[in-house]
Every structure is written in structure tokens, then in C-alpha cells.
Amino acid sequence: MDQNEAPVLEALAEHRKLGRYGFTPIWALPGADICVVSAHKMGLGFEQGSMFHLQGNLVDPVRLNQCGHVLPLPGTRTAPCAE
């Protein structure tokens, strides 16, 4: 949560794609309310999706599931994963 009690969203895949970090920034995870992790699968075709990892009670998982498809995240499918 930031100073204004707004949720903090950490998209690790975006940092790696943009070259901001050469490694997964572990230090960013403890303070994030939502962490987005990109998942890749290869079979007959290449698929990519994103998973949400939630902590705390600032973000409603039901609401996130309802509006997750509009977030600008890597992948075409999203699946919330509460922790």
C-alpha cells in the first residue's frame, strides 16, 4: 500500500521485458498488494497468461476477477490467485 492507501501493483514481467532489472526484484514483493506473474506454455502453440498474487485485504479478489481483463498486462488470459 502506498502513502495514500492505494493498492500497489507490481508487474514483474514488465520490468524484465523493459530491461529495468536483470533479475526478479524480490525486494518489491513484500510491499505489493498485487503481484502479477507472467506464465508461458508451449505445446501445439505458444500461450501466455498472467496470474495475480494477492496479499492483504486492500484489493477485493472478486472485483479483481471481474475487471482483470482490462488491466494492461502481458498475456491474453488472467487468473487470480489469492495467497
PDB file of N, CA and C in Angstrom:
ATOM      1  N   MET A   1       0.839  -1.163   0.000  1.00  0.00           N
ATOM      2  CA  MET A   1       0.000   0.000   0.000  1.00  0.00           C
ATOM      3  C   MET A   1       0.893   1.238   0.000  1.00  0.00           C
ATOM      4  N   ASP A   2       0.521   2.229  -0.785  1.00  0.00           N
ATOM      5  CA  ASP A   2       1.320   3.450  -0.802  1.00  0.00           C
ATOM      6  C   ASP A   2       0.851   4.407   0.300  1.00  0.00           C
ATOM      7  N   GLN A   3       1.396   5.598   0.340  1.00  0.00           N
ATOM      8  CA  GLN A   3       1.081   6.567   1.396  1.00  0.00           C
ATOM      9  C   GLN A   3      -0.387   6.972   1.413  1.00  0.00           C
ATOM     10  N   ASN A   4      -1.059   6.902   0.282  1.00  0.00           N
ATOM     11  CA  ASN A   4      -2.464   7.295   0.183  1.00  0.00           C
ATOM     12  C   ASN A   4      -3.408   6.116   0.322  1.00  0.00           C
ATOM     13  N   GLU A   5      -2.913   4.995   0.800  1.00  0.00           N
ATOM     14  CA  GLU A   5      -3.678   3.765   0.968  1.00  0.00           C
ATOM     15  C   GLU A   5      -4.248   3.257  -0.349  1.00  0.00           C
ATOM     16  N   ALA A   6      -3.542   3.475  -1.433  1.00  0.00           N
ATOM     17  CA  ALA A   6      -3.925   2.932  -2.727  1.00  0.00           C
ATOM     18  C   ALA A   6      -3.147   1.640  -2.943  1.00  0.00           C
ATOM     19  N   PRO A   7      -3.752   0.656  -3.612  1.00  0.00           N
ATOM     20  CA  PRO A   7      -3.051  -0.610  -3.844  1.00  0.00           C
ATOM     21  C   PRO A   7      -1.790  -0.418  -4.680  1.00  0.00           C
ATOM     22  N   VAL A   8      -0.786  -1.212  -4.390  1.00  0.00           N
ATOM     23  CA  VAL A   8       0.454  -1.214  -5.156  1.00  0.00           C
ATOM     24  C   VAL A   8       0.449  -2.452  -6.041  1.00  0.00           C
ATOM     25  N   LEU A   9       0.570  -2.248  -7.346  1.00  0.00           N
ATOM     26  CA  LEU A   9       0.587  -3.339  -8.314  1.00  0.00           C
ATOM     27  C   LEU A   9       2.004  -3.496  -8.819  1.00  0.00           C
ATOM     28  N   GLU A  10       2.562  -4.686  -8.672  1.00  0.00           N
ATOM     29  CA  GLU A  10       3.923  -4.960  -9.131  1.00  0.00           C
ATOM     30  C   GLU A  10       3.837  -5.963 -10.270  1.00  0.00           C
ATOM     31  N   ALA A  11       4.198  -5.549 -11.486  1.00  0.00           N
ATOM     32  CA  ALA A  11       4.183  -6.427 -12.652  1.00  0.00           C
ATOM     33  C   ALA A  11       5.620  -6.810 -12.973  1.00  0.00           C
ATOM     34  N   LEU A  12       6.047  -7.953 -12.469  1.00  0.00           N
ATOM     35  CA  LEU A  12       7.440  -8.366 -12.633  1.00  0.00           C
ATOM     36  C   LEU A  12       7.807  -8.596 -14.088  1.00  0.00           C
ATOM     37  N   ALA A  13       6.889  -9.117 -14.869  1.00  0.00           N
ATOM     38  CA  ALA A  13       7.196  -9.401 -16.272  1.00  0.00           C
ATOM     39  C   ALA A  13       7.505  -8.120 -17.033  1.00  0.00           C
ATOM     40  N   GLU A  14       6.813  -7.039 -16.719  1.00  0.00           N
ATOM     41  CA  GLU A  14       7.059  -5.781 -17.418  1.00  0.00           C
ATOM     42  C   GLU A  14       8.452  -5.248 -17.121  1.00  0.00           C
ATOM     43  N   HIS A  15       8.910  -5.363 -15.884  1.00  0.00           N
ATOM     44  CA  HIS A  15      10.260  -4.915 -15.549  1.00  0.00           C
ATOM     45  C   HIS A  15      11.293  -5.687 -16.363  1.00  0.00           C
ATOM     46  N   ARG A  16      11.101  -6.980 -16.496  1.00  0.00           N
ATOM     47  CA  ARG A  16      12.069  -7.794 -17.233  1.00  0.00           C
ATOM     48  C   ARG A  16      12.020  -7.476 -18.720  1.00  0.00           C
ATOM     49  N   LYS A  17      10.814  -7.307 -19.274  1.00  0.00           N
ATOM     50  CA  LYS A  17      10.688  -7.006 -20.696  1.00  0.00           C
ATOM     51  C   LYS A  17      11.334  -5.674 -21.043  1.00  0.00           C
ATOM     52  N   LEU A  18      11.157  -4.697 -20.183  1.00  0.00           N
ATOM     53  CA  LEU A  18      11.675  -3.361 -20.462  1.00  0.00           C
ATOM     54  C   LEU A  18      13.141  -3.212 -20.088  1.00  0.00           C
ATOM     55  N   GLY A  19      13.738  -4.267 -19.541  1.00  0.00           N
ATOM     56  CA  GLY A  19      15.150  -4.233 -19.217  1.00  0.00           C
ATOM     57  C   GLY A  19      15.492  -3.423 -17.993  1.00  0.00           C
ATOM     58  N   ARG A  20      14.510  -3.164 -17.145  1.00  0.00           N
ATOM     59  CA  ARG A  20      14.788  -2.379 -15.945  1.00  0.00           C
ATOM     60  C   ARG A  20      15.605  -3.172 -14.936  1.00  0.00           C
ATOM     61  N   TYR A  21      15.407  -4.475 -14.918  1.00  0.00           N
ATOM     62  CA  TYR A  21      16.128  -5.324 -13.983  1.00  0.00           C
ATOM     63  C   TYR A  21      16.671  -6.526 -14.737  1.00  0.00           C
ATOM     64  N   GLY A  22      17.810  -7.036 -14.323  1.00  0.00           N
ATOM     65  CA  GLY A  22      18.342  -8.255 -14.907  1.00  0.00           C
ATOM     66  C   GLY A  22      17.961  -9.462 -14.076  1.00  0.00           C
ATOM     67  N   PHE A  23      17.155  -9.254 -13.061  1.00  0.00           N
ATOM     68  CA  PHE A  23      16.739 -10.322 -12.155  1.00  0.00           C
ATOM     69  C   PHE A  23      15.350  -9.983 -11.619  1.00  0.00           C
ATOM     70  N   THR A  24      14.711 -10.939 -10.978  1.00  0.00           N
ATOM     71  CA  THR A  24      13.418 -10.673 -10.359  1.00  0.00           C
ATOM     72  C   THR A  24      13.632  -9.829  -9.112  1.00  0.00           C
ATOM     73  N   PRO A  25      13.009  -8.662  -9.018  1.00  0.00           N
ATOM     74  CA  PRO A  25      13.240  -7.778  -7.871  1.00  0.00           C
ATOM     75  C   PRO A  25      12.499  -8.263  -6.626  1.00  0.00           C
ATOM     76  N   ILE A  26      13.117  -9.167  -5.879  1.00  0.00           N
ATOM     77  CA  ILE A  26      12.495  -9.740  -4.692  1.00  0.00           C
ATOM     78  C   ILE A  26      12.102  -8.651  -3.707  1.00  0.00           C
ATOM     79  N   TRP A  27      12.857  -7.583  -3.641  1.00  0.00           N
ATOM     80  CA  TRP A  27      12.581  -6.507  -2.700  1.00  0.00           C
ATOM     81  C   TRP A  27      11.248  -5.830  -2.964  1.00  0.00           C
ATOM     82  N   ALA A  28      10.707  -5.960  -4.157  1.00  0.00           N
ATOM     83  CA  ALA A  28       9.439  -5.310  -4.485  1.00  0.00           C
ATOM     84  C   ALA A  28       8.236  -6.112  -4.001  1.00  0.00           C
ATOM     85  N   LEU A  29       8.402  -7.397  -3.774  1.00  0.00           N
ATOM     86  CA  LEU A  29       7.269  -8.251  -3.454  1.00  0.00           C
ATOM     87  C   LEU A  29       6.641  -8.013  -2.087  1.00  0.00           C
ATOM     88  N   PRO A  30       7.398  -7.851  -1.000  1.00  0.00           N
ATOM     89  CA  PRO A  30       6.762  -7.730   0.317  1.00  0.00           C
ATOM     90  C   PRO A  30       5.788  -6.562   0.446  1.00  0.00           C
ATOM     91  N   GLY A  31       6.017  -5.464  -0.256  1.00  0.00           N
ATOM     92  CA  GLY A  31       5.142  -4.306  -0.141  1.00  0.00           C
ATOM     93  C   GLY A  31       4.021  -4.258  -1.156  1.00  0.00           C
ATOM     94  N   ALA A  32       3.986  -5.198  -2.090  1.00  0.00           N
ATOM     95  CA  ALA A  32       2.971  -5.160  -3.142  1.00  0.00           C
ATOM     96  C   ALA A  32       1.662  -5.772  -2.658  1.00  0.00           C
ATOM     97  N   ASP A  33       0.555  -5.129  -2.987  1.00  0.00           N
ATOM     98  CA  ASP A  33      -0.765  -5.674  -2.692  1.00  0.00           C
ATOM     99  C   ASP A  33      -1.158  -6.695  -3.754  1.00  0.00           C
ATOM    100  N   ILE A  34      -0.735  -6.442  -4.990  1.00  0.00           N
ATOM    101  CA  ILE A  34      -0.958  -7.378  -6.098  1.00  0.00           C
ATOM    102  C   ILE A  34       0.369  -7.554  -6.818  1.00  0.00           C
ATOM    103  N   CYS A  35       0.746  -8.777  -7.056  1.00  0.00           N
ATOM    104  CA  CYS A  35       1.931  -9.073  -7.856  1.00  0.00           C
ATOM    105  C   CYS A  35       1.460  -9.846  -9.078  1.00  0.00           C
ATOM    106  N   VAL A  36       1.861  -9.413 -10.247  1.00  0.00           N
ATOM    107  CA  VAL A  36       1.456 -10.060 -11.485  1.00  0.00           C
ATOM    108  C   VAL A  36       2.635 -10.853 -12.023  1.00  0.00           C
ATOM    109  N   VAL A  37       2.395 -12.128 -12.282  1.00  0.00           N
ATOM    110  CA  VAL A  37       3.435 -13.007 -12.799  1.00  0.00           C
ATOM    111  C   VAL A  37       2.976 -13.531 -14.148  1.00  0.00           C
ATOM    112  N   SER A  38       3.829 -13.443 -15.129  1.00  0.00           N
ATOM    113  CA  SER A  38       3.528 -13.931 -16.465  1.00  0.00           C
ATOM    114  C   SER A  38       3.832 -15.419 -16.544  1.00  0.00           C
ATOM    115  N   ALA A  39       2.932 -16.165 -17.166  1.00  0.00           N
ATOM    116  CA  ALA A  39       3.118 -17.610 -17.332  1.00  0.00           C
ATOM    117  C   ALA A  39       3.163 -17.933 -18.824  1.00  0.00           C
ATOM    118  N   HIS A  40       4.071 -18.802 -19.199  1.00  0.00           N
ATOM    119  CA  HIS A  40       4.239 -19.177 -20.603  1.00  0.00           C
ATOM    120  C   HIS A  40       4.073 -20.685 -20.739  1.00  0.00           C
ATOM    121  N   LYS A  41       3.471 -21.119 -21.829  1.00  0.00           N
ATOM    122  CA  LYS A  41       3.274 -22.544 -22.077  1.00  0.00           C
ATOM    123  C   LYS A  41       3.508 -22.799 -23.560  1.00  0.00           C
ATOM    124  N   MET A  42       4.255 -23.831 -23.836  1.00  0.00           N
ATOM    125  CA  MET A  42       4.476 -24.207 -25.231  1.00  0.00           C
ATOM    126  C   MET A  42       3.946 -25.613 -25.440  1.00  0.00           C
ATOM    127  N   GLY A  43       3.215 -25.798 -26.483  1.00  0.00           N
ATOM    128  CA  GLY A  43       2.670 -27.093 -26.858  1.00  0.00           C
ATOM    129  C   GLY A  43       2.483 -27.029 -28.363  1.00  0.00           C
ATOM    130  N   LEU A  44       1.247 -27.204 -28.795  1.00  0.00           N
ATOM    131  CA  LEU A  44       0.950 -27.036 -30.216  1.00  0.00           C
ATOM    132  C   LEU A  44       1.062 -25.569 -30.628  1.00  0.00           C
ATOM    133  N   GLY A  45       0.921 -24.697 -29.658  1.00  0.00           N
ATOM    134  CA  GLY A  45       1.066 -23.266 -29.899  1.00  0.00           C
ATOM    135  C   GLY A  45       1.631 -22.612 -28.656  1.00  0.00           C
ATOM    136  N   PHE A  46       2.065 -21.394 -28.797  1.00  0.00           N
ATOM    137  CA  PHE A  46       2.621 -20.666 -27.658  1.00  0.00           C
ATOM    138  C   PHE A  46       1.500 -19.892 -26.988  1.00  0.00           C
ATOM    139  N   GLU A  47       1.346 -20.063 -25.689  1.00  0.00           N
ATOM    140  CA  GLU A  47       0.326 -19.336 -24.944  1.00  0.00           C
ATOM    141  C   GLU A  47       0.984 -18.544 -23.833  1.00  0.00           C
ATOM    142  N   GLN A  48       0.411 -17.414 -23.528  1.00  0.00           N
ATOM    143  CA  GLN A  48       0.913 -16.593 -22.437  1.00  0.00           C
ATOM    144  C   GLN A  48      -0.276 -16.072 -21.648  1.00  0.00           C
ATOM    145  N   GLY A  49      -0.133 -16.051 -20.348  1.00  0.00           N
ATOM    146  CA  GLY A  49      -1.178 -15.530 -19.478  1.00  0.00           C
ATOM    147  C   GLY A  49      -0.542 -14.882 -18.270  1.00  0.00           C
ATOM    148  N   SER A  50      -1.368 -14.336 -17.409  1.00  0.00           N
ATOM    149  CA  SER A  50      -0.872 -13.683 -16.203  1.00  0.00           C
ATOM    150  C   SER A  50      -1.627 -14.196 -14.992  1.00  0.00           C
ATOM    151  N   MET A  51      -0.937 -14.258 -13.866  1.00  0.00           N
ATOM    152  CA  MET A  51      -1.553 -14.664 -12.610  1.00  0.00           C
ATOM    153  C   MET A  51      -1.388 -13.535 -11.607  1.00  0.00           C
ATOM    154  N   PHE A  52      -2.426 -13.274 -10.850  1.00  0.00           N
ATOM    155  CA  PHE A  52      -2.378 -12.278  -9.785  1.00  0.00           C
ATOM    156  C   PHE A  52      -2.113 -12.987  -8.463  1.00  0.00           C
ATOM    157  N   HIS A  53      -1.167 -12.479  -7.698  1.00  0.00           N
ATOM    158  CA  HIS A  53      -0.927 -12.964  -6.339  1.00  0.00           C
ATOM    159  C   HIS A  53      -1.301 -11.816  -5.410  1.00  0.00           C
ATOM    160  N   LEU A  54      -2.279 -12.054  -4.550  1.00  0.00           N
ATOM    161  CA  LEU A  54      -2.793 -11.008  -3.667  1.00  0.00           C
ATOM    162  C   LEU A  54      -2.286 -11.195  -2.250  1.00  0.00           C
ATOM    163  N   GLN A  55      -2.089 -10.079  -1.555  1.00  0.00           N
ATOM    164  CA  GLN A  55      -1.818 -10.143  -0.122  1.00  0.00           C
ATOM    165  C   GLN A  55      -2.528  -8.969   0.537  1.00  0.00           C
ATOM    166  N   GLY A  56      -2.944  -9.168   1.770  1.00  0.00           N
ATOM    167  CA  GLY A  56      -3.676  -8.128   2.479  1.00  0.00           C
ATOM    168  C   GLY A  56      -5.138  -8.111   2.071  1.00  0.00           C
ATOM    169  N   ASN A  57      -5.859  -7.121   2.562  1.00  0.00           N
ATOM    170  CA  ASN A  57      -7.292  -7.035   2.270  1.00  0.00           C
ATOM    171  C   ASN A  57      -7.670  -5.747   1.543  1.00  0.00           C
ATOM    172  N   LEU A  58      -6.714  -5.064   0.977  1.00  0.00           N
ATOM    173  CA  LEU A  58      -6.985  -3.807   0.286  1.00  0.00           C
ATOM    174  C   LEU A  58      -7.649  -4.033  -1.071  1.00  0.00           C
ATOM    175  N   VAL A  59      -7.362  -5.159  -1.708  1.00  0.00           N
ATOM    176  CA  VAL A  59      -7.906  -5.465  -3.028  1.00  0.00           C
ATOM    177  C   VAL A  59      -8.924  -6.594  -2.887  1.00  0.00           C
ATOM    178  N   ASP A  60     -10.120  -6.376  -3.410  1.00  0.00           N
ATOM    179  CA  ASP A  60     -11.182  -7.380  -3.379  1.00  0.00           C
ATOM    180  C   ASP A  60     -10.943  -8.390  -4.504  1.00  0.00           C
ATOM    181  N   PRO A  61     -10.703  -9.676  -4.171  1.00  0.00           N
ATOM    182  CA  PRO A  61     -10.416 -10.661  -5.215  1.00  0.00           C
ATOM    183  C   PRO A  61     -11.577 -10.876  -6.180  1.00  0.00           C
ATOM    184  N   VAL A  62     -12.806 -10.735  -5.708  1.00  0.00           N
ATOM    185  CA  VAL A  62     -13.967 -10.889  -6.591  1.00  0.00           C
ATOM    186  C   VAL A  62     -13.990  -9.755  -7.612  1.00  0.00           C
ATOM    187  N   ARG A  63     -13.765  -8.540  -7.152  1.00  0.00           N
ATOM    188  CA  ARG A  63     -13.745  -7.382  -8.059  1.00  0.00           C
ATOM    189  C   ARG A  63     -12.583  -7.481  -9.050  1.00  0.00           C
ATOM    190  N   LEU A  64     -11.436  -7.933  -8.572  1.00  0.00           N
ATOM    191  CA  LEU A  64     -10.286  -8.107  -9.454  1.00  0.00           C
ATOM    192  C   LEU A  64     -10.603  -9.111 -10.552  1.00  0.00           C
ATOM    193  N   ASN A  65     -11.277 -10.186 -10.201  1.00  0.00           N
ATOM    194  CA  ASN A  65     -11.656 -11.191 -11.183  1.00  0.00           C
ATOM    195  C   ASN A  65     -12.620 -10.614 -12.217  1.00  0.00           C
ATOM    196  N   GLN A  66     -13.489  -9.709 -11.795  1.00  0.00           N
ATOM    197  CA  GLN A  66     -14.459  -9.099 -12.705  1.00  0.00           C
ATOM    198  C   GLN A  66     -13.818  -8.119 -13.682  1.00  0.00           C
ATOM    199  N   CYS A  67     -12.753  -7.449 -13.257  1.00  0.00           N
ATOM    200  CA  CYS A  67     -12.174  -6.408 -14.122  1.00  0.00           C
ATOM    201  C   CYS A  67     -10.739  -6.709 -14.547  1.00  0.00           C
ATOM    202  N   GLY A  68     -10.222  -7.882 -14.235  1.00  0.00           N
ATOM    203  CA  GLY A  68      -8.839  -8.219 -14.556  1.00  0.00           C
ATOM    204  C   GLY A  68      -8.516  -8.164 -16.032  1.00  0.00           C
ATOM    205  N   HIS A  69      -9.499  -8.414 -16.878  1.00  0.00           N
ATOM    206  CA  HIS A  69      -9.247  -8.438 -18.321  1.00  0.00           C
ATOM    207  C   HIS A  69      -8.951  -7.059 -18.905  1.00  0.00           C
ATOM    208  N   VAL A  70      -9.235  -5.987 -18.180  1.00  0.00           N
ATOM    209  CA  VAL A  70      -8.982  -4.650 -18.723  1.00  0.00           C
ATOM    210  C   VAL A  70      -7.624  -4.088 -18.307  1.00  0.00           C
ATOM    211  N   LEU A  71      -6.919  -4.779 -17.396  1.00  0.00           N
ATOM    212  CA  LEU A  71      -5.603  -4.302 -16.976  1.00  0.00           C
ATOM    213  C   LEU A  71      -4.586  -4.537 -18.082  1.00  0.00           C
ATOM    214  N   PRO A  72      -3.690  -3.585 -18.331  1.00  0.00           N
ATOM    215  CA  PRO A  72      -2.689  -3.733 -19.396  1.00  0.00           C
ATOM    216  C   PRO A  72      -1.552  -4.650 -18.955  1.00  0.00           C
ATOM    217  N   LEU A  73      -1.803  -5.953 -18.998  1.00  0.00           N
ATOM    218  CA  LEU A  73      -0.834  -6.939 -18.531  1.00  0.00           C
ATOM    219  C   LEU A  73      -0.419  -7.842 -19.669  1.00  0.00           C
ATOM    220  N   PRO A  74       0.718  -8.493 -19.541  1.00  0.00           N
ATOM    221  CA  PRO A  74       1.131  -9.433 -20.583  1.00  0.00           C
ATOM    222  C   PRO A  74       0.190 -10.620 -20.631  1.00  0.00           C
ATOM    223  N   GLY A  75      -0.034 -11.139 -21.794  1.00  0.00           N
ATOM    224  CA  GLY A  75      -0.877 -12.327 -21.931  1.00  0.00           C
ATOM    225  C   GLY A  75      -2.314 -11.959 -22.246  1.00  0.00           C
ATOM    226  N   THR A  76      -3.047 -12.953 -22.685  1.00  0.00           N
ATOM    227  CA  THR A  76      -4.432 -12.714 -23.064  1.00  0.00           C
ATOM    228  C   THR A  76      -5.407 -13.225 -22.021  1.00  0.00           C
ATOM    229  N   ARG A  77      -4.949 -14.063 -21.116  1.00  0.00           N
ATOM    230  CA  ARG A  77      -5.821 -14.606 -20.083  1.00  0.00           C
ATOM    231  C   ARG A  77      -5.258 -14.252 -18.720  1.00  0.00           C
ATOM    232  N   THR A  78      -6.142 -14.015 -17.768  1.00  0.00           N
ATOM    233  CA  THR A  78      -5.700 -13.736 -16.409  1.00  0.00           C
ATOM    234  C   THR A  78      -6.419 -14.656 -15.445  1.00  0.00           C
ATOM    235  N   ALA A  79      -5.738 -15.052 -14.384  1.00  0.00           N
ATOM    236  CA  ALA A  79      -6.325 -15.917 -13.364  1.00  0.00           C
ATOM    237  C   ALA A  79      -5.880 -15.429 -11.999  1.00  0.00           C
ATOM    238  N   PRO A  80      -6.830 -14.973 -11.162  1.00  0.00           N
ATOM    239  CA  PRO A  80      -6.431 -14.507  -9.833  1.00  0.00           C
ATOM    240  C   PRO A  80      -6.037 -15.657  -8.927  1.00  0.00           C
ATOM    241  N   CYS A  81      -4.998 -15.475  -8.161  1.00  0.00           N
ATOM    242  CA  CYS A  81      -4.523 -16.481  -7.215  1.00  0.00           C
ATOM    243  C   CYS A  81      -4.342 -15.806  -5.870  1.00  0.00           C
ATOM    244  N   ALA A  82      -5.270 -16.000  -4.962  1.00  0.00           N
ATOM    245  CA  ALA A  82      -5.159 -15.388  -3.633  1.00  0.00           C
ATOM    246  C   ALA A  82      -4.169 -16.167  -2.798  1.00  0.00           C
ATOM    247  N   GLU A  83      -3.336 -15.454  -2.040  1.00  0.00           N
ATOM    248  CA  GLU A  83      -2.361 -16.102  -1.163  1.00  0.00           C
ATOM    249  C   GLU A  83      -2.654 -15.731   0.260  1.00  0.00           C
TER     250      GLU A  83
END
